[in-house]
Amino acid sequence: MMRGASRAFRSARLTWQRLLKDERGSVLAFFVAIPVVAGTVAVGVETGQLYRTKRQMQGAADAAALAGAIDKVNGGTNTSATAAALYEAQRNGFQNGVGGVTVAVNAPPTSGSNVSTQNAVEVIVTKPSKFALASVLSSALGNSFTMTSRSVAAQTTVTSNQTTSMTTSVSSLDGCLVALTTAAEQGVSFTSFNNFTSDCVIYSNGSSTGTTSSTASVYMSGFNNATMKSVYARGSFTAASYNNVNLTTAAEQNQTTAIVDPYASLPTPSPGTCSHTNFSRSSMSALTLSPGTYCGGLSVSSINNVYFTPGIYYVANGDLYITSVNNVTCPTCTANNGVAIVLTQTTGNNSDIGGVRISSDNNISLNASAANQASPPLYAGVLFYQDRRVPNGTMSSTSKIFTISSLNTVTLTGAIYFPNNRIDISSINNASLSNNGCTVWIGRYIKFSSYNNNYVAGCAAIGVTPPGVITTTTTTVSNPVTTTTGKVLE
């Protein structure tokens, strides 16, 4: 009996020794650790993503509040300030009512330390969110939650007293013929005018210091009776062969910094599939065009009446040609529901992006959709837009430019935006007949001649933003200088 007990004891002892030496149990420990490690990684990754979204929301709230405050500074109402804020939030990726996003605009604020601040605008952006992978691994994280960002901006006035010079931040949005190039080259060429009238400023970002017709940052020649607010150039300004040029606001100014491009954040076009290929029509009594993607270009000529209908026209992999047409109009367009014509590509090759050529027509009248409505459509405020992925042209380029010439009457309401190529305007008898119009030309280069009127007074009413935020330095006597603009307060 004792011998049997001894054998049992030795067997048990050997079994325990084998278990202590066996390392296969580490596999079990590894599998036990997997959820812990995966959960930690998931929380880290998703926390980073949520932090990035939170920063984007705050940036959108700040930009929207500033847009509303600036609208108020410029005499806007609570309604227009709200529309400006909503539009700016949408431009920054947060559209009210889309994807669960809520953008609340309060003018004046309903909370915080600025509820009684005059002209203050409060923007609150909320967005539902949740942990996806991390919540699967740990129910303690919950299923969903709401992220909120808030910003308050208001008018701010800064007063300084300087003795020999002053730096003035100019925030009047009144540019109408604007060259964006920042290179040491010519930006604006302005020649052969008889009775040119405008309520706006000509701007050139070109820093060339030459003095000739091809090297001055702004070159003006051949004037007889011209009225405009002023001319701003980062480089040199040359005027020759002119009679009676009236600058109503200020003499020619030298810019110290580049003009801010108000349309730099326009989204890259996404034209979709082709609706038409190599679309070309001619010798017709009437033609009605519909929104869509016109691959290979869009060409109409020798037609009595060409009617656009409201919407976005993507002209891909080719040019827009409108020649020898009696009337080009959009009979069903309204102030809020207009036309946007976008030059882009569907091939993956940016060299395929085309330009616009409008010539030898009698009358053309088109308008962009208002940008200050509650839910503005894509590209609201912009009538023509060339995809900024197009290669940069030069002042002498003949392709991929916007050219409009030899027309009797032209009314284009909105922004014409060709940031990488030249805009060429010539031989237009009657342009912007109403002094309450809104036509803003923004190109890498601006060249225009025999063109008689251009106004931006009507831009505020439809939410179109002309360029004009620049900094200038001039010598002056000792005087207090007061600057009014918008500033984020909370």
Protein backbone atom coordinates (compact mmCIF):
# COMPACT_ATOMS: atom_id res chain seq x y z
CA MET A 1 0.00 0.00 0.00
CA MET A 2 2.78 2.46 0.92
CA ARG A 3 4.56 1.56 -2.29
CA GLY A 4 1.45 2.44 -4.34
CA ALA A 5 1.06 5.77 -2.58
CA SER A 6 4.69 6.59 -3.28
CA ARG A 7 4.25 5.83 -7.02
CA ALA A 8 1.17 8.10 -7.15
CA PHE A 9 3.06 10.93 -5.48
CA ARG A 10 5.98 10.64 -7.93
CA SER A 11 3.58 10.63 -10.89
CA ALA A 12 1.87 13.81 -9.67
CA ARG A 13 5.20 15.50 -9.08
CA LEU A 14 6.42 14.69 -12.60
CA THR A 15 3.17 15.97 -14.08
CA TRP A 16 3.59 19.36 -12.33
CA GLN A 17 7.21 19.59 -13.44
CA ARG A 18 6.17 19.02 -17.05
CA LEU A 19 3.49 21.72 -16.77
CA LEU A 20 5.97 24.22 -15.33
CA LYS A 21 8.35 23.57 -18.24
CA ASP A 22 5.62 23.71 -20.92
CA GLU A 23 5.59 27.19 -22.67
CA ARG A 24 2.45 26.59 -24.71
CA GLY A 25 0.45 28.47 -22.08
CA SER A 26 1.98 31.71 -23.40
CA VAL A 27 -0.27 31.37 -26.45
CA LEU A 28 -3.29 31.59 -24.19
CA ALA A 29 -1.84 34.68 -22.50
CA PHE A 30 -1.20 36.25 -25.91
CA PHE A 31 -4.79 35.75 -27.03
CA VAL A 32 -6.05 37.16 -23.75
CA ALA A 33 -3.95 40.31 -24.38
CA ILE A 34 -5.20 40.91 -27.96
CA PRO A 35 -8.43 42.75 -27.02
CA VAL A 36 -6.53 45.01 -24.64
CA VAL A 37 -3.89 45.96 -27.23
CA ALA A 38 -6.44 46.35 -30.06
CA GLY A 39 -8.70 48.48 -27.89
CA THR A 40 -5.80 50.75 -26.94
CA VAL A 41 -4.79 51.20 -30.59
CA ALA A 42 -8.41 51.81 -31.69
CA VAL A 43 -8.97 54.44 -29.02
CA GLY A 44 -5.71 56.17 -29.99
CA VAL A 45 -6.50 56.21 -33.72
CA GLU A 46 -10.11 57.30 -33.32
CA THR A 47 -9.22 59.95 -30.74
CA GLY A 48 -6.79 61.45 -33.26
CA GLN A 49 -9.46 61.44 -35.97
CA LEU A 50 -11.98 63.07 -33.66
CA TYR A 51 -9.42 65.69 -32.61
CA ARG A 52 -8.83 66.54 -36.28
CA THR A 53 -12.58 66.83 -36.91
CA LYS A 54 -12.90 69.04 -33.84
CA ARG A 55 -10.19 71.37 -35.16
CA GLN A 56 -11.92 71.52 -38.55
CA MET A 57 -15.23 72.35 -36.85
CA GLN A 58 -13.59 75.13 -34.82
CA GLY A 59 -11.95 76.56 -37.91
CA ALA A 60 -15.30 76.54 -39.73
CA ALA A 61 -17.04 78.19 -36.75
CA ASP A 62 -14.36 80.93 -36.54
CA ALA A 63 -14.50 81.61 -40.30
CA ALA A 64 -18.31 81.68 -40.28
CA ALA A 65 -18.48 84.04 -37.30
CA LEU A 66 -15.94 86.36 -38.95
CA ALA A 67 -17.92 86.33 -42.21
CA GLY A 68 -21.07 87.32 -40.34
CA ALA A 69 -19.27 90.04 -38.38
CA ILE A 70 -17.66 91.49 -41.51
CA ASP A 71 -21.07 91.54 -43.19
CA LYS A 72 -22.37 93.55 -40.22
CA VAL A 73 -19.37 95.89 -40.41
CA ASN A 74 -20.22 96.55 -44.05
CA GLY A 75 -23.79 97.52 -43.19
CA GLY A 76 -25.46 94.13 -43.47
CA THR A 77 -28.57 93.06 -41.61
CA ASN A 78 -28.93 90.12 -39.21
CA THR A 79 -30.41 88.16 -42.11
CA SER A 80 -27.52 88.84 -44.47
CA ALA A 81 -24.98 88.20 -41.70
CA THR A 82 -26.61 84.84 -41.01
CA ALA A 83 -26.51 83.94 -44.70
CA ALA A 84 -22.84 84.96 -44.94
CA ALA A 85 -21.98 82.84 -41.89
CA LEU A 86 -23.85 79.78 -43.19
CA TYR A 87 -22.17 80.09 -46.57
CA GLU A 88 -18.70 80.34 -45.01
CA ALA A 89 -19.38 77.31 -42.80
CA GLN A 90 -20.44 75.37 -45.90
CA ARG A 91 -17.29 76.45 -47.77
CA ASN A 92 -15.30 74.99 -44.88
CA GLY A 93 -17.07 71.63 -45.07
CA PHE A 94 -19.94 72.00 -42.58
CA GLN A 95 -23.30 72.59 -44.26
CA ASN A 96 -26.33 73.07 -42.06
CA GLY A 97 -28.69 70.09 -42.26
CA VAL A 98 -26.30 67.83 -44.20
CA GLY A 99 -24.85 64.71 -42.58
CA GLY A 100 -26.42 65.52 -39.25
CA VAL A 101 -24.48 68.81 -39.06
CA THR A 102 -26.20 71.77 -37.43
CA VAL A 103 -24.88 75.30 -37.92
CA ALA A 104 -26.69 77.75 -35.65
CA VAL A 105 -26.11 81.47 -36.20
CA ASN A 106 -27.18 83.95 -33.55
CA ALA A 107 -26.91 87.68 -34.10
CA PRO A 108 -26.53 88.84 -31.41
CA PRO A 109 -25.14 85.89 -29.37
CA THR A 110 -27.46 84.08 -26.98
CA SER A 111 -24.73 83.02 -24.55
CA GLY A 112 -21.27 83.92 -23.34
CA SER A 113 -19.76 87.26 -22.44
CA ASN A 114 -20.83 89.07 -25.62
CA VAL A 115 -24.62 88.76 -25.50
CA SER A 116 -24.85 92.56 -25.42
CA THR A 117 -21.96 93.29 -27.79
CA GLN A 118 -23.08 95.43 -30.71
CA ASN A 119 -22.91 93.66 -34.09
CA ALA A 120 -21.58 90.42 -32.55
CA VAL A 121 -22.30 87.15 -34.38
CA GLU A 122 -22.27 83.74 -32.69
CA VAL A 123 -21.86 80.49 -34.64
CA ILE A 124 -22.35 77.06 -33.07
CA VAL A 125 -21.42 74.00 -35.16
CA THR A 126 -22.57 70.60 -33.92
CA LYS A 127 -21.94 67.20 -35.48
CA PRO A 128 -22.91 63.72 -34.28
CA SER A 129 -20.05 61.27 -33.93
CA LYS A 130 -19.19 57.93 -32.38
CA PHE A 131 -16.37 55.51 -31.71
CA ALA A 132 -16.57 52.84 -34.40
CA LEU A 133 -14.01 50.09 -33.67
CA ALA A 134 -13.25 51.15 -30.10
CA SER A 135 -16.91 50.99 -29.08
CA VAL A 136 -17.11 47.41 -30.35
CA LEU A 137 -14.25 46.44 -28.07
CA SER A 138 -15.50 48.37 -25.06
CA SER A 139 -19.16 49.16 -24.45
CA ALA A 140 -18.04 51.65 -21.79
CA LEU A 141 -17.18 54.09 -24.59
CA GLY A 142 -20.82 54.37 -25.60
CA ASN A 143 -22.42 54.31 -29.04
CA SER A 144 -22.51 58.01 -30.02
CA PHE A 145 -22.00 61.55 -28.82
CA THR A 146 -22.21 65.11 -30.17
CA MET A 147 -19.21 67.34 -30.94
CA THR A 148 -19.70 71.10 -30.63
CA SER A 149 -17.59 74.11 -31.63
CA ARG A 150 -18.56 77.70 -30.89
CA SER A 151 -17.18 81.04 -31.99
CA VAL A 152 -18.19 84.67 -31.52
CA ALA A 153 -16.88 87.50 -33.69
CA ALA A 154 -17.73 91.18 -33.70
CA GLN A 155 -16.72 94.53 -35.02
CA THR A 156 -13.48 95.77 -33.54
CA THR A 157 -11.97 99.23 -33.83
CA VAL A 158 -8.25 99.89 -33.48
CA THR A 159 -6.96 103.45 -33.14
CA SER A 160 -3.29 104.40 -33.45
CA ASN A 161 -1.46 107.71 -33.53
CA GLN A 162 1.58 107.89 -35.78
CA THR A 163 3.79 110.80 -36.65
CA THR A 164 5.47 110.10 -39.99
CA SER A 165 3.79 107.07 -41.52
CA MET A 166 0.80 104.83 -41.04
CA THR A 167 -0.12 101.30 -42.02
CA THR A 168 -3.75 100.95 -43.00
CA SER A 169 -5.56 97.64 -43.32
CA VAL A 170 -7.94 98.20 -46.23
CA SER A 171 -10.98 95.95 -45.94
CA SER A 172 -13.29 97.65 -48.45
CA LEU A 173 -14.19 94.90 -50.90
CA ASP A 174 -14.16 96.83 -54.15
CA GLY A 175 -11.77 95.19 -56.63
CA CYS A 176 -13.22 94.49 -60.05
CA LEU A 177 -10.25 93.93 -62.38
CA VAL A 178 -7.71 91.88 -60.45
CA ALA A 179 -4.44 90.21 -61.53
CA LEU A 180 -3.31 87.50 -59.10
CA THR A 181 0.23 86.84 -60.34
CA THR A 182 2.81 87.47 -57.63
CA ALA A 183 5.80 87.07 -59.93
CA ALA A 184 8.04 89.93 -61.08
CA GLU A 185 5.94 90.46 -64.21
CA GLN A 186 3.12 92.55 -65.58
CA GLY A 187 -0.31 91.93 -64.12
CA VAL A 188 -2.63 94.47 -65.79
CA SER A 189 -2.64 96.07 -69.24
CA PHE A 190 -5.36 98.71 -69.68
CA THR A 191 -5.47 100.50 -73.07
CA SER A 192 -7.60 102.36 -75.63
CA PHE A 193 -10.52 103.65 -73.60
CA ASN A 194 -13.08 106.30 -74.31
CA ASN A 195 -15.44 107.13 -71.43
CA PHE A 196 -14.69 104.28 -69.02
CA THR A 197 -16.72 104.47 -65.79
CA SER A 198 -16.49 102.23 -62.73
CA ASP A 199 -17.04 102.22 -58.97
CA CYS A 200 -14.16 99.87 -58.22
CA VAL A 201 -10.39 99.42 -57.98
CA ILE A 202 -7.91 97.89 -60.40
CA TYR A 203 -5.41 95.61 -58.62
CA SER A 204 -2.17 93.95 -59.70
CA ASN A 205 -0.19 91.55 -57.53
CA GLY A 206 2.61 91.57 -60.11
CA SER A 207 5.84 92.88 -58.59
CA SER A 208 7.53 93.98 -61.82
CA THR A 209 9.34 97.33 -61.55
CA GLY A 210 9.63 98.01 -65.29
CA THR A 211 8.21 101.10 -66.97
CA THR A 212 7.36 99.95 -70.51
CA SER A 213 4.09 98.71 -71.97
CA SER A 214 5.14 95.10 -71.37
CA THR A 215 7.08 95.35 -68.11
CA ALA A 216 5.12 97.66 -65.79
CA SER A 217 3.04 95.90 -63.13
CA VAL A 218 0.12 98.09 -64.28
CA TYR A 219 0.26 99.76 -67.68
CA MET A 220 -2.41 102.26 -68.76
CA SER A 221 -2.47 104.05 -72.11
CA GLY A 222 -4.79 105.66 -74.64
CA PHE A 223 -7.38 107.06 -72.21
CA ASN A 224 -9.99 109.67 -72.84
CA ASN A 225 -12.24 110.26 -69.82
CA ALA A 226 -11.82 107.43 -67.33
CA THR A 227 -13.31 107.25 -63.83
CA MET A 228 -12.43 104.60 -61.24
CA LYS A 229 -11.80 104.44 -57.50
CA SER A 230 -8.07 103.83 -57.67
CA VAL A 231 -5.27 101.68 -59.03
CA TYR A 232 -3.17 99.45 -56.74
CA ALA A 233 0.07 97.81 -57.85
CA ARG A 234 2.70 95.82 -55.95
CA GLY A 235 5.22 96.84 -58.57
CA SER A 236 5.45 99.79 -60.93
CA PHE A 237 2.65 101.86 -62.44
CA THR A 238 3.00 103.50 -65.86
CA ALA A 239 0.42 105.77 -67.52
CA ALA A 240 0.91 107.19 -71.02
CA SER A 241 -1.15 109.08 -73.62
CA TYR A 242 -4.20 109.79 -71.52
CA ASN A 243 -6.68 112.60 -71.04
CA ASN A 244 -8.79 113.21 -67.94
CA VAL A 245 -8.32 110.22 -65.65
CA ASN A 246 -10.32 110.63 -62.45
CA LEU A 247 -9.44 108.46 -59.43
CA THR A 248 -12.35 109.14 -57.07
CA THR A 249 -11.05 107.59 -53.82
CA ALA A 250 -7.25 107.72 -53.85
CA ALA A 251 -4.36 108.27 -56.18
CA GLU A 252 -2.38 105.31 -57.47
CA GLN A 253 -1.28 103.23 -54.49
CA ASN A 254 1.64 100.90 -53.91
CA GLN A 255 0.71 97.63 -52.23
CA THR A 256 3.04 96.12 -49.66
CA THR A 257 1.42 92.69 -49.55
CA ALA A 258 -0.43 90.49 -52.02
CA ILE A 259 -4.19 90.71 -52.39
CA VAL A 260 -6.08 87.93 -50.67
CA ASP A 261 -7.81 85.69 -53.22
CA PRO A 262 -11.45 85.39 -52.03
CA TYR A 263 -12.05 82.29 -54.17
CA ALA A 264 -8.92 80.31 -53.28
CA SER A 265 -11.02 77.75 -51.41
CA LEU A 266 -13.39 76.94 -54.28
CA PRO A 267 -13.68 73.14 -54.44
CA THR A 268 -11.98 71.18 -57.20
CA PRO A 269 -14.57 70.34 -59.89
CA SER A 270 -16.12 66.86 -59.95
CA PRO A 271 -17.89 66.75 -63.30
CA GLY A 272 -19.09 63.14 -63.33
CA THR A 273 -19.80 61.20 -66.51
CA CYS A 274 -20.14 62.87 -69.89
CA SER A 275 -23.62 64.13 -70.81
CA HIS A 276 -22.44 65.24 -74.27
CA THR A 277 -19.34 64.61 -76.35
CA ASN A 278 -17.86 67.19 -78.77
CA PHE A 279 -21.07 69.23 -78.57
CA SER A 280 -21.31 71.63 -81.53
CA ARG A 281 -24.31 73.46 -82.98
CA SER A 282 -24.54 76.15 -85.66
CA SER A 283 -26.89 77.88 -88.10
CA MET A 284 -30.06 77.54 -86.03
CA SER A 285 -32.88 79.83 -85.03
CA ALA A 286 -32.79 78.85 -81.35
CA LEU A 287 -30.89 76.47 -79.06
CA THR A 288 -31.60 75.59 -75.43
CA LEU A 289 -28.70 74.28 -73.34
CA SER A 290 -29.08 72.22 -70.17
CA PRO A 291 -26.66 71.69 -67.26
CA GLY A 292 -24.37 68.68 -67.50
CA THR A 293 -20.87 67.60 -68.49
CA TYR A 294 -19.83 68.59 -72.01
CA CYS A 295 -16.79 66.44 -72.79
CA GLY A 296 -14.61 67.61 -75.65
CA GLY A 297 -15.92 71.17 -75.34
CA LEU A 298 -19.07 73.13 -76.12
CA SER A 299 -19.34 75.19 -79.31
CA VAL A 300 -22.26 77.27 -80.62
CA SER A 301 -22.11 79.65 -83.59
CA SER A 302 -24.35 81.52 -86.03
CA ILE A 303 -27.49 81.03 -83.93
CA ASN A 304 -30.13 83.67 -83.33
CA ASN A 305 -30.96 82.79 -79.71
CA VAL A 306 -29.00 80.58 -77.29
CA TYR A 307 -30.85 79.89 -74.04
CA PHE A 308 -29.07 78.57 -70.95
CA THR A 309 -31.11 77.00 -68.16
CA PRO A 310 -30.08 77.29 -64.46
CA GLY A 311 -27.40 74.94 -63.13
CA ILE A 312 -23.74 73.96 -63.46
CA TYR A 313 -22.19 73.42 -66.90
CA TYR A 314 -18.95 71.42 -66.78
CA VAL A 315 -16.99 71.98 -70.00
CA ALA A 316 -14.37 69.23 -69.87
CA ASN A 317 -11.33 68.50 -72.06
CA GLY A 318 -12.03 71.41 -74.39
CA ASP A 319 -13.08 75.03 -74.82
CA LEU A 320 -16.35 76.92 -74.61
CA TYR A 321 -16.97 78.77 -77.89
CA ILE A 322 -19.84 81.23 -78.36
CA THR A 323 -19.48 83.11 -81.65
CA SER A 324 -21.80 85.06 -83.96
CA VAL A 325 -24.86 84.62 -81.75
CA ASN A 326 -27.51 87.30 -81.60
CA ASN A 327 -28.69 86.75 -78.02
CA VAL A 328 -27.23 84.61 -75.21
CA THR A 329 -29.52 84.60 -72.18
CA CYS A 330 -30.98 82.50 -69.37
CA PRO A 331 -34.72 83.29 -69.41
CA THR A 332 -35.55 81.02 -66.45
CA CYS A 333 -32.69 82.17 -64.22
CA THR A 334 -33.43 84.08 -61.02
CA ALA A 335 -31.16 85.89 -58.59
CA ASN A 336 -30.93 82.75 -56.44
CA ASN A 337 -30.87 80.24 -59.28
CA GLY A 338 -28.39 81.13 -61.97
CA VAL A 339 -25.61 79.60 -64.05
CA ALA A 340 -22.07 78.40 -63.29
CA ILE A 341 -19.77 77.44 -66.18
CA VAL A 342 -16.77 75.38 -65.05
CA LEU A 343 -13.78 74.54 -67.27
CA THR A 344 -12.21 71.26 -66.13
CA GLN A 345 -11.07 67.79 -67.25
CA THR A 346 -12.19 64.16 -66.95
CA THR A 347 -9.05 62.54 -68.39
CA GLY A 348 -6.66 62.95 -65.48
CA ASN A 349 -4.55 65.29 -67.62
CA ASN A 350 -4.70 68.91 -66.44
CA SER A 351 -3.40 70.10 -69.81
CA ASP A 352 -6.81 69.13 -71.22
CA ILE A 353 -8.53 71.93 -69.27
CA GLY A 354 -9.75 74.50 -71.78
CA GLY A 355 -10.67 78.17 -71.93
CA VAL A 356 -13.54 80.43 -72.99
CA ARG A 357 -13.91 82.36 -76.25
CA ILE A 358 -16.91 84.63 -76.70
CA SER A 359 -16.85 86.88 -79.77
CA SER A 360 -18.87 88.68 -82.43
CA ASP A 361 -22.15 88.41 -80.54
CA ASN A 362 -24.85 91.04 -80.21
CA ASN A 363 -26.06 90.56 -76.65
CA ILE A 364 -25.05 88.30 -73.77
CA SER A 365 -26.73 88.37 -70.36
CA LEU A 366 -25.99 85.69 -67.74
CA ASN A 367 -25.95 85.66 -63.94
CA ALA A 368 -24.47 83.45 -61.23
CA SER A 369 -26.58 82.17 -58.34
CA ALA A 370 -26.64 84.43 -55.29
CA ALA A 371 -24.13 83.29 -52.68
CA ASN A 372 -25.88 84.77 -49.65
CA GLN A 373 -29.01 82.62 -49.67
CA ALA A 374 -29.70 80.13 -46.89
CA SER A 375 -28.53 77.10 -48.89
CA PRO A 376 -26.47 78.37 -51.82
CA PRO A 377 -25.68 75.93 -54.63
CA LEU A 378 -22.15 74.85 -55.45
CA TYR A 379 -20.10 77.67 -57.01
CA ALA A 380 -22.69 80.27 -56.02
CA GLY A 381 -21.51 83.76 -56.89
CA VAL A 382 -19.17 82.46 -59.60
CA LEU A 383 -20.26 82.68 -63.24
CA PHE A 384 -17.11 81.30 -64.94
CA TYR A 385 -14.48 79.19 -63.17
CA GLN A 386 -11.39 77.61 -64.69
CA ASP A 387 -10.14 74.65 -62.65
CA ARG A 388 -7.01 75.89 -60.85
CA ARG A 389 -5.22 72.63 -61.69
CA VAL A 390 -4.68 73.97 -65.22
CA PRO A 391 -1.02 74.83 -66.00
CA ASN A 392 -0.08 78.49 -65.55
CA GLY A 393 -0.19 80.61 -68.68
CA THR A 394 1.57 83.88 -69.48
CA MET A 395 0.42 87.38 -70.37
CA SER A 396 0.92 86.49 -74.06
CA SER A 397 -0.69 83.02 -74.02
CA THR A 398 -3.39 82.43 -76.63
CA SER A 399 -4.83 79.16 -75.33
CA LYS A 400 -6.71 78.33 -72.13
CA ILE A 401 -7.53 82.00 -71.59
CA PHE A 402 -10.86 83.76 -71.11
CA THR A 403 -11.42 86.11 -74.03
CA ILE A 404 -14.51 88.16 -74.77
CA SER A 405 -14.49 90.57 -77.71
CA SER A 406 -16.51 92.40 -80.36
CA LEU A 407 -19.84 92.44 -78.54
CA ASN A 408 -22.56 95.04 -78.47
CA THR A 409 -24.11 94.60 -75.01
CA VAL A 410 -22.71 92.49 -72.16
CA THR A 411 -24.18 91.92 -68.69
CA LEU A 412 -22.30 89.29 -66.72
CA THR A 413 -23.35 89.15 -63.06
CA GLY A 414 -20.94 87.36 -60.73
CA ALA A 415 -17.25 86.50 -60.64
CA ILE A 416 -15.23 85.45 -63.67
CA TYR A 417 -12.39 83.46 -62.07
CA PHE A 418 -9.37 82.27 -64.08
CA PRO A 419 -6.66 82.13 -61.39
CA ASN A 420 -3.93 80.62 -63.62
CA ASN A 421 -4.57 82.31 -66.96
CA ARG A 422 -5.27 85.62 -68.65
CA ILE A 423 -8.62 87.36 -68.94
CA ASP A 424 -8.81 89.40 -72.14
CA ILE A 425 -11.64 91.90 -72.64
CA SER A 426 -11.87 94.04 -75.77
CA SER A 427 -14.22 95.94 -78.06
CA ILE A 428 -17.39 95.88 -75.98
CA ASN A 429 -19.77 98.72 -76.73
CA ASN A 430 -22.07 98.54 -73.71
CA ALA A 431 -21.07 96.63 -70.59
CA SER A 432 -22.71 96.55 -67.13
CA LEU A 433 -25.28 99.14 -68.09
CA SER A 434 -26.63 99.34 -64.53
CA ASN A 435 -24.45 101.17 -62.01
CA ASN A 436 -25.84 98.72 -59.44
CA GLY A 437 -24.34 95.75 -61.26
CA CYS A 438 -21.79 93.20 -60.12
CA THR A 439 -19.01 92.05 -62.44
CA VAL A 440 -15.73 90.90 -60.90
CA TRP A 441 -12.86 89.79 -63.16
CA ILE A 442 -10.12 87.78 -61.40
CA GLY A 443 -7.32 86.27 -63.48
CA ARG A 444 -3.63 85.58 -63.29
CA TYR A 445 -3.39 88.45 -65.77
CA ILE A 446 -5.88 91.09 -66.90
CA LYS A 447 -5.75 92.69 -70.33
CA PHE A 448 -8.56 94.94 -71.46
CA SER A 449 -9.25 97.63 -74.02
CA SER A 450 -12.23 99.43 -75.55
CA TYR A 451 -14.43 98.50 -72.61
CA ASN A 452 -16.62 101.14 -71.10
CA ASN A 453 -18.24 100.26 -67.73
CA ASN A 454 -17.69 98.01 -64.73
CA TYR A 455 -19.54 98.11 -61.40
CA VAL A 456 -19.50 96.15 -58.13
CA ALA A 457 -22.12 98.11 -56.17
CA GLY A 458 -24.61 95.27 -56.57
CA CYS A 459 -22.26 92.52 -55.32
CA ALA A 460 -23.25 92.76 -51.65
CA ALA A 461 -26.90 92.13 -52.51
CA ILE A 462 -26.07 88.73 -54.02
CA GLY A 463 -23.20 87.75 -51.73
CA VAL A 464 -20.43 88.04 -54.32
CA THR A 465 -17.07 88.90 -52.72
CA PRO A 466 -14.75 91.16 -54.73
CA PRO A 467 -11.06 91.16 -53.72
CA GLY A 468 -9.68 94.06 -51.71
CA VAL A 469 -8.04 93.04 -48.43
CA ILE A 470 -4.55 94.46 -48.78
CA THR A 471 -2.06 96.42 -46.68
CA THR A 472 -0.62 99.70 -47.91
CA THR A 473 1.99 102.01 -46.40
CA THR A 474 2.01 105.74 -47.15
CA THR A 475 3.70 108.77 -45.61
CA THR A 476 1.40 111.19 -43.83
CA VAL A 477 1.23 113.81 -41.10
CA SER A 478 0.52 112.87 -37.50
CA ASN A 479 -3.12 111.81 -37.25
CA PRO A 480 -5.05 109.13 -35.37
CA VAL A 481 -5.87 106.17 -37.59
CA THR A 482 -8.95 104.05 -36.91
CA THR A 483 -9.47 100.67 -38.53
CA THR A 484 -12.75 98.78 -38.26
CA THR A 485 -12.98 95.08 -39.07
CA GLY A 486 -14.17 91.78 -37.61
CA LYS A 487 -12.38 89.85 -34.86
CA VAL A 488 -12.96 86.53 -33.11
CA LEU A 489 -13.78 87.28 -29.46
CA GLU A 490 -14.72 83.84 -28.07
